[in-house]
């Protein structure tokens, strides 16, 4: 019983089992690339090794906001990667150093996301999170040769988006 009480604290503390890590890395549809967000940076090597053992062609894992796959533009972003069977690591520079955003106070109303997409809402830090996350994905896909090119491409894609299209 005392041990069971300790294990019952795992969800409360944000901890997970090895089965959870394994399940998050599964790729039943054979996607060529996989992005993973983790809450605790200490999980980066575990997820990278799991992706490697599962022969994921291309994977990137990084500490995301709340564990989601969202780059925090205010801080440097350490990524753990598997690219064509080779494990690696990169540190992406902060995009908005010194600036903060109250992510937890953000309303969970989808209308805010739509307004950001349409350019009706000025929110430079959330916009930088979108662009920064897209840059990581573009580099993982092999569409950009380095971080600077990936960030430039992501900024151009964001600027050229069809603001009328939200579906």
N, C-alpha and C. Protein backbone atom coordinates (compact mmCIF):
# COMPACT_ATOMS: atom_id res chain seq x y z
N UNK A 1 0.79 -1.23 0.00
CA UNK A 1 0.00 0.00 0.00
C UNK A 1 0.83 1.28 0.00
N UNK A 2 1.93 1.41 0.78
CA UNK A 2 2.70 2.66 0.70
C UNK A 2 3.31 2.86 -0.69
N UNK A 3 3.77 1.79 -1.31
CA UNK A 3 4.34 1.88 -2.65
C UNK A 3 3.27 2.28 -3.67
N UNK A 4 2.09 1.71 -3.52
CA UNK A 4 0.98 2.05 -4.42
C UNK A 4 0.64 3.53 -4.32
N UNK A 5 0.68 4.09 -3.12
CA UNK A 5 0.41 5.52 -2.95
C UNK A 5 1.46 6.36 -3.68
N UNK A 6 2.71 5.90 -3.62
CA UNK A 6 3.77 6.62 -4.34
C UNK A 6 3.52 6.57 -5.85
N UNK A 7 3.19 5.39 -6.37
CA UNK A 7 2.92 5.27 -7.81
C UNK A 7 1.71 6.11 -8.22
N UNK A 8 0.74 6.24 -7.33
CA UNK A 8 -0.43 7.05 -7.64
C UNK A 8 -0.10 8.53 -7.77
N UNK A 9 1.07 8.95 -7.30
CA UNK A 9 1.49 10.34 -7.42
C UNK A 9 2.05 10.66 -8.81
N UNK A 10 2.36 9.63 -9.61
CA UNK A 10 2.96 9.87 -10.92
C UNK A 10 2.17 10.84 -11.79
N UNK A 11 0.86 10.66 -11.96
CA UNK A 11 0.14 11.63 -12.80
C UNK A 11 0.16 13.05 -12.23
N UNK A 12 0.10 13.13 -10.93
CA UNK A 12 0.11 14.44 -10.29
C UNK A 12 1.43 15.17 -10.50
N UNK A 13 2.53 14.41 -10.50
CA UNK A 13 3.86 15.00 -10.63
C UNK A 13 4.35 15.06 -12.08
N UNK A 14 3.55 14.55 -13.00
CA UNK A 14 3.95 14.61 -14.41
C UNK A 14 4.96 13.54 -14.79
N UNK A 15 5.00 12.46 -14.04
CA UNK A 15 5.94 11.39 -14.33
C UNK A 15 5.25 10.33 -15.17
N UNK A 16 6.03 9.53 -15.84
CA UNK A 16 5.44 8.50 -16.67
C UNK A 16 6.26 7.23 -16.61
N UNK A 17 5.67 6.19 -17.12
CA UNK A 17 6.34 4.89 -17.15
C UNK A 17 7.08 4.74 -18.48
N UNK A 18 7.90 3.71 -18.56
CA UNK A 18 8.60 3.41 -19.82
C UNK A 18 7.59 3.09 -20.92
N UNK A 19 6.48 2.47 -20.55
CA UNK A 19 5.44 2.15 -21.54
C UNK A 19 4.88 3.42 -22.16
N UNK A 20 4.74 4.47 -21.38
CA UNK A 20 4.24 5.73 -21.90
C UNK A 20 5.21 6.32 -22.92
N UNK A 21 6.50 6.31 -22.58
CA UNK A 21 7.52 6.81 -23.51
C UNK A 21 7.48 6.02 -24.81
N UNK A 22 7.41 4.69 -24.70
CA UNK A 22 7.36 3.82 -25.87
C UNK A 22 6.12 4.14 -26.71
N UNK A 23 4.97 4.27 -26.06
CA UNK A 23 3.72 4.53 -26.79
C UNK A 23 3.77 5.86 -27.53
N UNK A 24 4.39 6.86 -26.93
CA UNK A 24 4.46 8.17 -27.58
C UNK A 24 5.35 8.12 -28.82
N UNK A 25 6.27 7.21 -28.89
CA UNK A 25 7.18 7.12 -30.03
C UNK A 25 6.68 6.20 -31.13
N UNK A 26 5.58 5.50 -30.91
CA UNK A 26 5.07 4.61 -31.95
C UNK A 26 4.70 5.41 -33.19
N UNK A 27 4.84 4.76 -34.33
CA UNK A 27 4.57 5.42 -35.61
C UNK A 27 3.82 4.44 -36.50
N UNK A 28 2.56 4.13 -36.16
CA UNK A 28 1.85 3.08 -36.88
C UNK A 28 1.60 3.37 -38.35
N UNK A 29 1.59 4.62 -38.75
CA UNK A 29 1.34 4.96 -40.15
C UNK A 29 2.63 5.20 -40.94
N UNK A 30 3.77 5.03 -40.28
CA UNK A 30 5.05 5.14 -40.97
C UNK A 30 5.41 6.54 -41.42
N UNK A 31 5.05 7.55 -40.63
CA UNK A 31 5.43 8.92 -40.98
C UNK A 31 6.94 9.05 -41.07
N UNK A 32 7.41 9.79 -42.04
CA UNK A 32 8.85 9.96 -42.27
C UNK A 32 9.50 10.77 -41.16
N UNK A 33 8.76 11.69 -40.57
CA UNK A 33 9.30 12.57 -39.52
C UNK A 33 8.35 12.59 -38.33
N UNK A 34 8.96 12.76 -37.16
CA UNK A 34 8.16 12.81 -35.93
C UNK A 34 8.71 13.90 -35.02
N UNK A 35 7.83 14.75 -34.53
CA UNK A 35 8.19 15.77 -33.55
C UNK A 35 7.56 15.38 -32.22
N UNK A 36 8.34 15.45 -31.15
CA UNK A 36 7.85 15.12 -29.82
C UNK A 36 8.17 16.25 -28.87
N UNK A 37 7.21 16.61 -28.05
CA UNK A 37 7.45 17.58 -26.98
C UNK A 37 7.46 16.85 -25.65
N UNK A 38 8.38 17.21 -24.79
CA UNK A 38 8.43 16.64 -23.45
C UNK A 38 8.41 17.78 -22.44
N UNK A 39 7.96 17.48 -21.24
CA UNK A 39 7.92 18.49 -20.20
C UNK A 39 9.25 18.58 -19.47
N UNK A 40 9.83 17.42 -19.19
CA UNK A 40 11.10 17.39 -18.45
C UNK A 40 12.26 17.15 -19.42
N UNK A 41 13.24 18.05 -19.48
CA UNK A 41 14.37 17.87 -20.41
C UNK A 41 15.15 16.58 -20.16
N UNK A 42 15.05 16.03 -18.95
CA UNK A 42 15.76 14.78 -18.67
C UNK A 42 15.21 13.62 -19.50
N UNK A 43 14.01 13.78 -20.08
CA UNK A 43 13.44 12.73 -20.92
C UNK A 43 13.97 12.75 -22.35
N UNK A 44 14.68 13.80 -22.74
CA UNK A 44 15.16 13.91 -24.12
C UNK A 44 15.95 12.69 -24.57
N UNK A 45 17.00 12.27 -23.84
CA UNK A 45 17.77 11.11 -24.29
C UNK A 45 16.94 9.83 -24.35
N UNK A 46 16.02 9.65 -23.41
CA UNK A 46 15.18 8.45 -23.40
C UNK A 46 14.30 8.40 -24.64
N UNK A 47 13.69 9.51 -24.99
CA UNK A 47 12.85 9.55 -26.19
C UNK A 47 13.68 9.38 -27.46
N UNK A 48 14.85 9.99 -27.49
CA UNK A 48 15.71 9.84 -28.67
C UNK A 48 16.11 8.38 -28.85
N UNK A 49 16.53 7.74 -27.76
CA UNK A 49 16.95 6.34 -27.84
C UNK A 49 15.77 5.45 -28.24
N UNK A 50 14.59 5.75 -27.73
CA UNK A 50 13.41 4.97 -28.10
C UNK A 50 13.11 5.14 -29.59
N UNK A 51 13.18 6.36 -30.09
CA UNK A 51 12.96 6.60 -31.53
C UNK A 51 14.00 5.85 -32.36
N UNK A 52 15.24 5.84 -31.88
CA UNK A 52 16.32 5.12 -32.57
C UNK A 52 16.02 3.62 -32.61
N UNK A 53 15.66 3.06 -31.45
CA UNK A 53 15.39 1.62 -31.36
C UNK A 53 14.18 1.22 -32.19
N UNK A 54 13.22 2.12 -32.32
CA UNK A 54 12.04 1.86 -33.14
C UNK A 54 12.29 2.16 -34.62
N UNK A 55 13.52 2.54 -34.94
CA UNK A 55 13.94 2.83 -36.32
C UNK A 55 13.09 3.94 -36.96
N UNK A 56 12.77 4.94 -36.15
CA UNK A 56 12.08 6.12 -36.67
C UNK A 56 13.04 6.81 -37.64
N UNK A 57 12.66 7.03 -38.91
CA UNK A 57 13.60 7.63 -39.86
C UNK A 57 14.14 8.99 -39.41
N UNK A 58 13.25 9.87 -38.99
CA UNK A 58 13.67 11.21 -38.55
C UNK A 58 12.78 11.61 -37.38
N UNK A 59 13.42 11.98 -36.29
CA UNK A 59 12.68 12.39 -35.10
C UNK A 59 13.41 13.54 -34.42
N UNK A 60 12.64 14.44 -33.83
CA UNK A 60 13.20 15.51 -33.01
C UNK A 60 12.36 15.59 -31.75
N UNK A 61 13.04 15.70 -30.63
CA UNK A 61 12.39 15.79 -29.34
C UNK A 61 12.94 17.02 -28.64
N UNK A 62 12.04 17.82 -28.06
CA UNK A 62 12.50 19.00 -27.32
C UNK A 62 11.52 19.33 -26.21
N UNK A 63 12.00 20.11 -25.25
CA UNK A 63 11.14 20.55 -24.16
C UNK A 63 10.18 21.59 -24.73
N UNK A 64 8.93 21.22 -24.74
CA UNK A 64 7.92 22.13 -25.26
C UNK A 64 7.12 22.77 -24.15
N UNK A 65 6.39 23.80 -24.48
CA UNK A 65 5.55 24.46 -23.50
C UNK A 65 4.53 23.49 -22.94
N UNK A 66 4.60 23.21 -21.64
CA UNK A 66 3.69 22.26 -21.01
C UNK A 66 3.86 20.85 -21.53
N UNK A 67 4.99 20.56 -22.16
CA UNK A 67 5.23 19.24 -22.73
C UNK A 67 4.70 19.08 -24.14
N UNK A 68 4.08 20.12 -24.66
CA UNK A 68 3.54 20.06 -26.02
C UNK A 68 4.66 20.28 -27.03
N UNK A 69 4.36 20.00 -28.28
CA UNK A 69 5.33 20.23 -29.35
C UNK A 69 5.22 21.69 -29.75
N UNK A 70 5.76 22.54 -28.91
CA UNK A 70 5.75 23.98 -29.15
C UNK A 70 7.03 24.58 -28.60
N UNK A 71 7.81 25.13 -29.49
CA UNK A 71 9.06 25.76 -29.07
C UNK A 71 8.78 27.02 -28.26
N UNK A 72 9.50 27.18 -27.16
CA UNK A 72 9.40 28.40 -26.36
C UNK A 72 10.39 29.40 -26.96
N UNK A 73 9.91 30.44 -27.63
CA UNK A 73 10.82 31.34 -28.32
C UNK A 73 11.67 32.21 -27.40
N UNK A 74 11.32 32.28 -26.13
CA UNK A 74 12.05 33.13 -25.19
C UNK A 74 13.34 32.48 -24.68
N UNK A 75 13.48 31.17 -24.91
CA UNK A 75 14.64 30.44 -24.38
C UNK A 75 15.34 29.66 -25.48
N UNK A 76 16.62 29.38 -25.30
CA UNK A 76 17.28 28.45 -26.23
C UNK A 76 16.56 27.10 -26.18
N UNK A 77 16.52 26.40 -27.28
CA UNK A 77 15.80 25.14 -27.38
C UNK A 77 16.77 24.01 -27.72
N UNK A 78 16.98 23.13 -26.77
CA UNK A 78 17.85 21.96 -26.99
C UNK A 78 17.00 20.86 -27.61
N UNK A 79 17.43 20.37 -28.76
CA UNK A 79 16.72 19.29 -29.43
C UNK A 79 17.58 18.04 -29.45
N UNK A 80 16.91 16.91 -29.28
CA UNK A 80 17.55 15.60 -29.44
C UNK A 80 16.98 15.02 -30.73
N UNK A 81 17.85 14.54 -31.60
CA UNK A 81 17.40 14.10 -32.91
C UNK A 81 17.86 12.69 -33.25
N UNK A 82 17.11 12.09 -34.15
CA UNK A 82 17.52 10.89 -34.88
C UNK A 82 17.26 11.23 -36.34
N UNK A 83 18.32 11.22 -37.13
CA UNK A 83 18.19 11.53 -38.55
C UNK A 83 18.88 10.43 -39.33
N UNK A 84 18.07 9.64 -40.01
CA UNK A 84 18.58 8.52 -40.82
C UNK A 84 19.52 7.63 -40.01
N UNK A 85 19.10 7.27 -38.81
CA UNK A 85 19.86 6.34 -37.98
C UNK A 85 20.99 6.95 -37.18
N UNK A 86 21.16 8.25 -37.23
CA UNK A 86 22.24 8.92 -36.49
C UNK A 86 21.63 9.82 -35.42
N UNK A 87 22.03 9.58 -34.18
CA UNK A 87 21.56 10.40 -33.06
C UNK A 87 22.34 11.70 -33.00
N UNK A 88 21.67 12.77 -32.62
CA UNK A 88 22.34 14.06 -32.53
C UNK A 88 21.65 14.98 -31.56
N UNK A 89 22.18 16.17 -31.47
CA UNK A 89 21.63 17.19 -30.58
C UNK A 89 21.98 18.56 -31.15
N UNK A 90 21.06 19.49 -31.01
CA UNK A 90 21.31 20.87 -31.43
C UNK A 90 20.72 21.80 -30.38
N UNK A 91 21.26 22.99 -30.31
CA UNK A 91 20.67 24.02 -29.45
C UNK A 91 20.30 25.19 -30.34
N UNK A 92 19.00 25.42 -30.46
CA UNK A 92 18.47 26.52 -31.25
C UNK A 92 18.47 27.77 -30.38
N UNK A 93 18.85 28.91 -30.92
CA UNK A 93 18.88 30.13 -30.10
C UNK A 93 17.48 30.64 -29.79
N UNK A 94 17.38 31.39 -28.72
CA UNK A 94 16.11 32.04 -28.38
C UNK A 94 15.74 33.01 -29.49
N UNK A 95 14.46 33.10 -29.80
CA UNK A 95 13.97 34.02 -30.84
C UNK A 95 13.53 35.34 -30.24
N UNK A 96 13.08 35.30 -29.00
CA UNK A 96 12.61 36.52 -28.32
C UNK A 96 13.25 36.57 -26.94
N UNK A 97 14.57 36.63 -26.86
CA UNK A 97 15.23 36.56 -25.55
C UNK A 97 14.78 37.68 -24.62
N UNK A 98 14.57 37.30 -23.38
CA UNK A 98 14.19 38.28 -22.37
C UNK A 98 12.71 38.64 -22.36
N UNK A 99 11.98 38.23 -23.38
CA UNK A 99 10.55 38.52 -23.42
C UNK A 99 9.79 37.31 -22.88
N UNK A 100 8.75 37.55 -22.14
CA UNK A 100 7.97 36.45 -21.59
C UNK A 100 6.53 36.55 -22.07
N UNK A 101 5.84 35.44 -21.93
CA UNK A 101 4.43 35.38 -22.29
C UNK A 101 3.74 34.48 -21.28
N UNK A 102 2.58 34.86 -20.81
CA UNK A 102 1.84 34.09 -19.80
C UNK A 102 1.03 32.99 -20.49
N UNK A 103 1.72 31.94 -20.92
CA UNK A 103 1.07 30.85 -21.64
C UNK A 103 -0.08 30.24 -20.84
N UNK A 104 0.13 30.07 -19.54
CA UNK A 104 -0.90 29.42 -18.72
C UNK A 104 -2.14 30.29 -18.56
N UNK A 105 -2.00 31.58 -18.77
CA UNK A 105 -3.15 32.48 -18.67
C UNK A 105 -3.88 32.64 -20.00
N UNK A 106 -3.32 32.05 -21.03
CA UNK A 106 -3.91 32.14 -22.37
C UNK A 106 -5.27 31.45 -22.37
N UNK A 107 -6.34 32.14 -22.80
CA UNK A 107 -7.65 31.48 -22.86
C UNK A 107 -7.61 30.32 -23.85
N UNK A 108 -8.32 29.27 -23.54
CA UNK A 108 -8.35 28.10 -24.41
C UNK A 108 -9.43 28.22 -25.48
N UNK A 109 -9.68 29.42 -25.90
CA UNK A 109 -10.70 29.71 -26.91
C UNK A 109 -10.07 29.62 -28.30
N UNK A 110 -10.55 28.71 -29.14
CA UNK A 110 -9.99 28.59 -30.49
C UNK A 110 -10.07 29.88 -31.31
N UNK A 111 -10.97 30.78 -30.95
CA UNK A 111 -11.08 32.05 -31.69
C UNK A 111 -9.78 32.85 -31.62
N UNK A 112 -9.04 32.73 -30.52
CA UNK A 112 -7.76 33.42 -30.40
C UNK A 112 -6.74 32.91 -31.39
N UNK A 113 -6.75 31.61 -31.62
CA UNK A 113 -5.83 31.01 -32.59
C UNK A 113 -6.20 31.46 -34.00
N UNK A 114 -7.50 31.46 -34.28
CA UNK A 114 -7.97 31.91 -35.59
C UNK A 114 -7.58 33.37 -35.81
N UNK A 115 -7.76 34.20 -34.79
CA UNK A 115 -7.40 35.63 -34.91
C UNK A 115 -5.91 35.80 -35.15
N UNK A 116 -5.08 34.98 -34.48
CA UNK A 116 -3.64 35.03 -34.71
C UNK A 116 -3.33 34.66 -36.16
N UNK A 117 -3.95 33.58 -36.65
CA UNK A 117 -3.74 33.13 -38.02
C UNK A 117 -4.14 34.21 -39.02
N UNK A 118 -5.26 34.85 -38.77
CA UNK A 118 -5.77 35.85 -39.71
C UNK A 118 -5.05 37.19 -39.60
N UNK A 119 -4.17 37.33 -38.62
CA UNK A 119 -3.46 38.59 -38.45
C UNK A 119 -4.29 39.64 -37.74
N UNK A 120 -5.38 39.23 -37.11
CA UNK A 120 -6.26 40.15 -36.40
C UNK A 120 -5.83 40.33 -34.95
N UNK A 121 -4.90 39.54 -34.51
CA UNK A 121 -4.41 39.59 -33.13
C UNK A 121 -2.90 39.76 -33.17
N UNK A 122 -2.43 40.81 -32.55
CA UNK A 122 -0.98 41.04 -32.46
C UNK A 122 -0.46 40.29 -31.25
N UNK A 123 0.33 39.27 -31.49
CA UNK A 123 0.90 38.46 -30.41
C UNK A 123 2.26 37.95 -30.87
N UNK A 124 3.30 38.79 -30.78
CA UNK A 124 4.59 38.42 -31.34
C UNK A 124 5.22 37.16 -30.73
N UNK A 125 5.01 36.91 -29.46
CA UNK A 125 5.64 35.73 -28.86
C UNK A 125 4.94 34.44 -29.30
N UNK A 126 3.60 34.35 -29.25
CA UNK A 126 2.97 33.16 -29.81
C UNK A 126 3.28 32.97 -31.30
N UNK A 127 3.36 34.06 -32.04
CA UNK A 127 3.73 33.98 -33.46
C UNK A 127 5.15 33.41 -33.60
N UNK A 128 6.06 33.85 -32.76
CA UNK A 128 7.43 33.33 -32.79
C UNK A 128 7.46 31.85 -32.41
N UNK A 129 6.55 31.42 -31.53
CA UNK A 129 6.47 30.00 -31.18
C UNK A 129 6.06 29.17 -32.40
N UNK A 130 5.09 29.68 -33.15
CA UNK A 130 4.65 28.98 -34.37
C UNK A 130 5.80 28.91 -35.37
N UNK A 131 6.42 30.03 -35.63
CA UNK A 131 7.51 30.09 -36.61
C UNK A 131 8.69 29.24 -36.15
N UNK A 132 9.05 29.33 -34.88
CA UNK A 132 10.18 28.57 -34.36
C UNK A 132 9.96 27.07 -34.40
N UNK A 133 8.73 26.65 -34.09
CA UNK A 133 8.40 25.22 -34.15
C UNK A 133 8.42 24.75 -35.60
N UNK A 134 7.88 25.55 -36.49
CA UNK A 134 7.90 25.20 -37.92
C UNK A 134 9.33 25.09 -38.43
N UNK A 135 10.22 25.96 -37.95
CA UNK A 135 11.63 25.91 -38.38
C UNK A 135 12.27 24.58 -37.99
N UNK A 136 11.99 24.12 -36.78
CA UNK A 136 12.53 22.83 -36.34
C UNK A 136 12.01 21.72 -37.25
N UNK A 137 10.72 21.77 -37.58
CA UNK A 137 10.13 20.76 -38.47
C UNK A 137 10.74 20.82 -39.87
N UNK A 138 10.94 22.01 -40.39
CA UNK A 138 11.52 22.16 -41.73
C UNK A 138 12.93 21.60 -41.80
N UNK A 139 13.71 21.83 -40.76
CA UNK A 139 15.07 21.29 -40.75
C UNK A 139 15.04 19.78 -40.65
N UNK A 140 14.14 19.25 -39.81
CA UNK A 140 14.02 17.80 -39.67
C UNK A 140 13.62 17.17 -41.00
N UNK A 141 12.74 17.82 -41.73
CA UNK A 141 12.31 17.32 -43.04
C UNK A 141 13.41 17.36 -44.09
N UNK A 142 14.48 18.11 -43.81
CA UNK A 142 15.55 18.26 -44.79
C UNK A 142 15.28 19.37 -45.79
N UNK A 143 14.29 20.21 -45.52
CA UNK A 143 13.96 21.32 -46.42
C UNK A 143 14.92 22.48 -46.25
N UNK A 144 15.64 22.52 -45.12
CA UNK A 144 16.61 23.59 -44.86
C UNK A 144 17.90 22.94 -44.37
N UNK A 145 19.04 23.49 -44.79
CA UNK A 145 20.32 22.88 -44.45
C UNK A 145 20.81 23.22 -43.05
N UNK A 146 20.35 24.35 -42.51
CA UNK A 146 20.80 24.74 -41.18
C UNK A 146 19.69 25.52 -40.47
N UNK A 147 19.95 25.86 -39.21
CA UNK A 147 18.94 26.56 -38.40
C UNK A 147 18.53 27.89 -39.01
N UNK A 148 19.51 28.68 -39.44
CA UNK A 148 19.21 30.01 -39.99
C UNK A 148 18.32 29.90 -41.22
N UNK A 149 18.63 28.96 -42.11
CA UNK A 149 17.81 28.78 -43.31
C UNK A 149 16.41 28.29 -42.95
N UNK A 150 16.32 27.41 -41.95
CA UNK A 150 15.02 26.90 -41.52
C UNK A 150 14.17 28.02 -40.93
N UNK A 151 14.78 28.87 -40.12
CA UNK A 151 14.03 29.97 -39.52
C UNK A 151 13.59 30.98 -40.58
N UNK A 152 14.45 31.25 -41.53
CA UNK A 152 14.10 32.17 -42.62
C UNK A 152 12.94 31.60 -43.44
N UNK A 153 13.00 30.31 -43.75
CA UNK A 153 11.95 29.66 -44.51
C UNK A 153 10.63 29.68 -43.73
N UNK A 154 10.69 29.39 -42.44
CA UNK A 154 9.48 29.38 -41.62
C UNK A 154 8.86 30.78 -41.54
N UNK A 155 9.70 31.80 -41.39
CA UNK A 155 9.18 33.18 -41.37
C UNK A 155 8.50 33.53 -42.70
N UNK A 156 9.12 33.11 -43.79
CA UNK A 156 8.55 33.39 -45.11
C UNK A 156 7.21 32.66 -45.29
N UNK A 157 7.15 31.42 -44.82
CA UNK A 157 5.90 30.66 -44.92
C UNK A 157 4.80 31.31 -44.09
N UNK A 158 5.16 31.75 -42.88
CA UNK A 158 4.17 32.42 -42.02
C UNK A 158 3.68 33.71 -42.68
N UNK A 159 4.59 34.48 -43.24
CA UNK A 159 4.21 35.75 -43.87
C UNK A 159 3.33 35.51 -45.11
N UNK A 160 3.55 34.40 -45.81
CA UNK A 160 2.82 34.12 -47.04
C UNK A 160 1.55 33.28 -46.83
N UNK A 161 1.23 32.96 -45.58
CA UNK A 161 0.07 32.11 -45.33
C UNK A 161 -1.21 32.78 -45.86
N UNK A 162 -2.18 31.96 -46.22
CA UNK A 162 -3.47 32.48 -46.66
C UNK A 162 -4.28 32.77 -45.40
N UNK A 163 -4.35 34.02 -45.02
CA UNK A 163 -5.00 34.41 -43.77
C UNK A 163 -6.51 34.17 -43.77
N UNK A 164 -7.07 33.99 -44.95
CA UNK A 164 -8.52 33.73 -45.03
C UNK A 164 -8.83 32.26 -44.76
N UNK A 165 -7.86 31.41 -45.00
CA UNK A 165 -8.10 29.96 -44.87
C UNK A 165 -7.76 29.50 -43.46
N UNK A 166 -8.76 28.98 -42.78
CA UNK A 166 -8.52 28.47 -41.43
C UNK A 166 -8.95 27.01 -41.30
N UNK A 167 -9.34 26.40 -42.38
CA UNK A 167 -9.75 24.98 -42.35
C UNK A 167 -8.96 24.21 -43.36
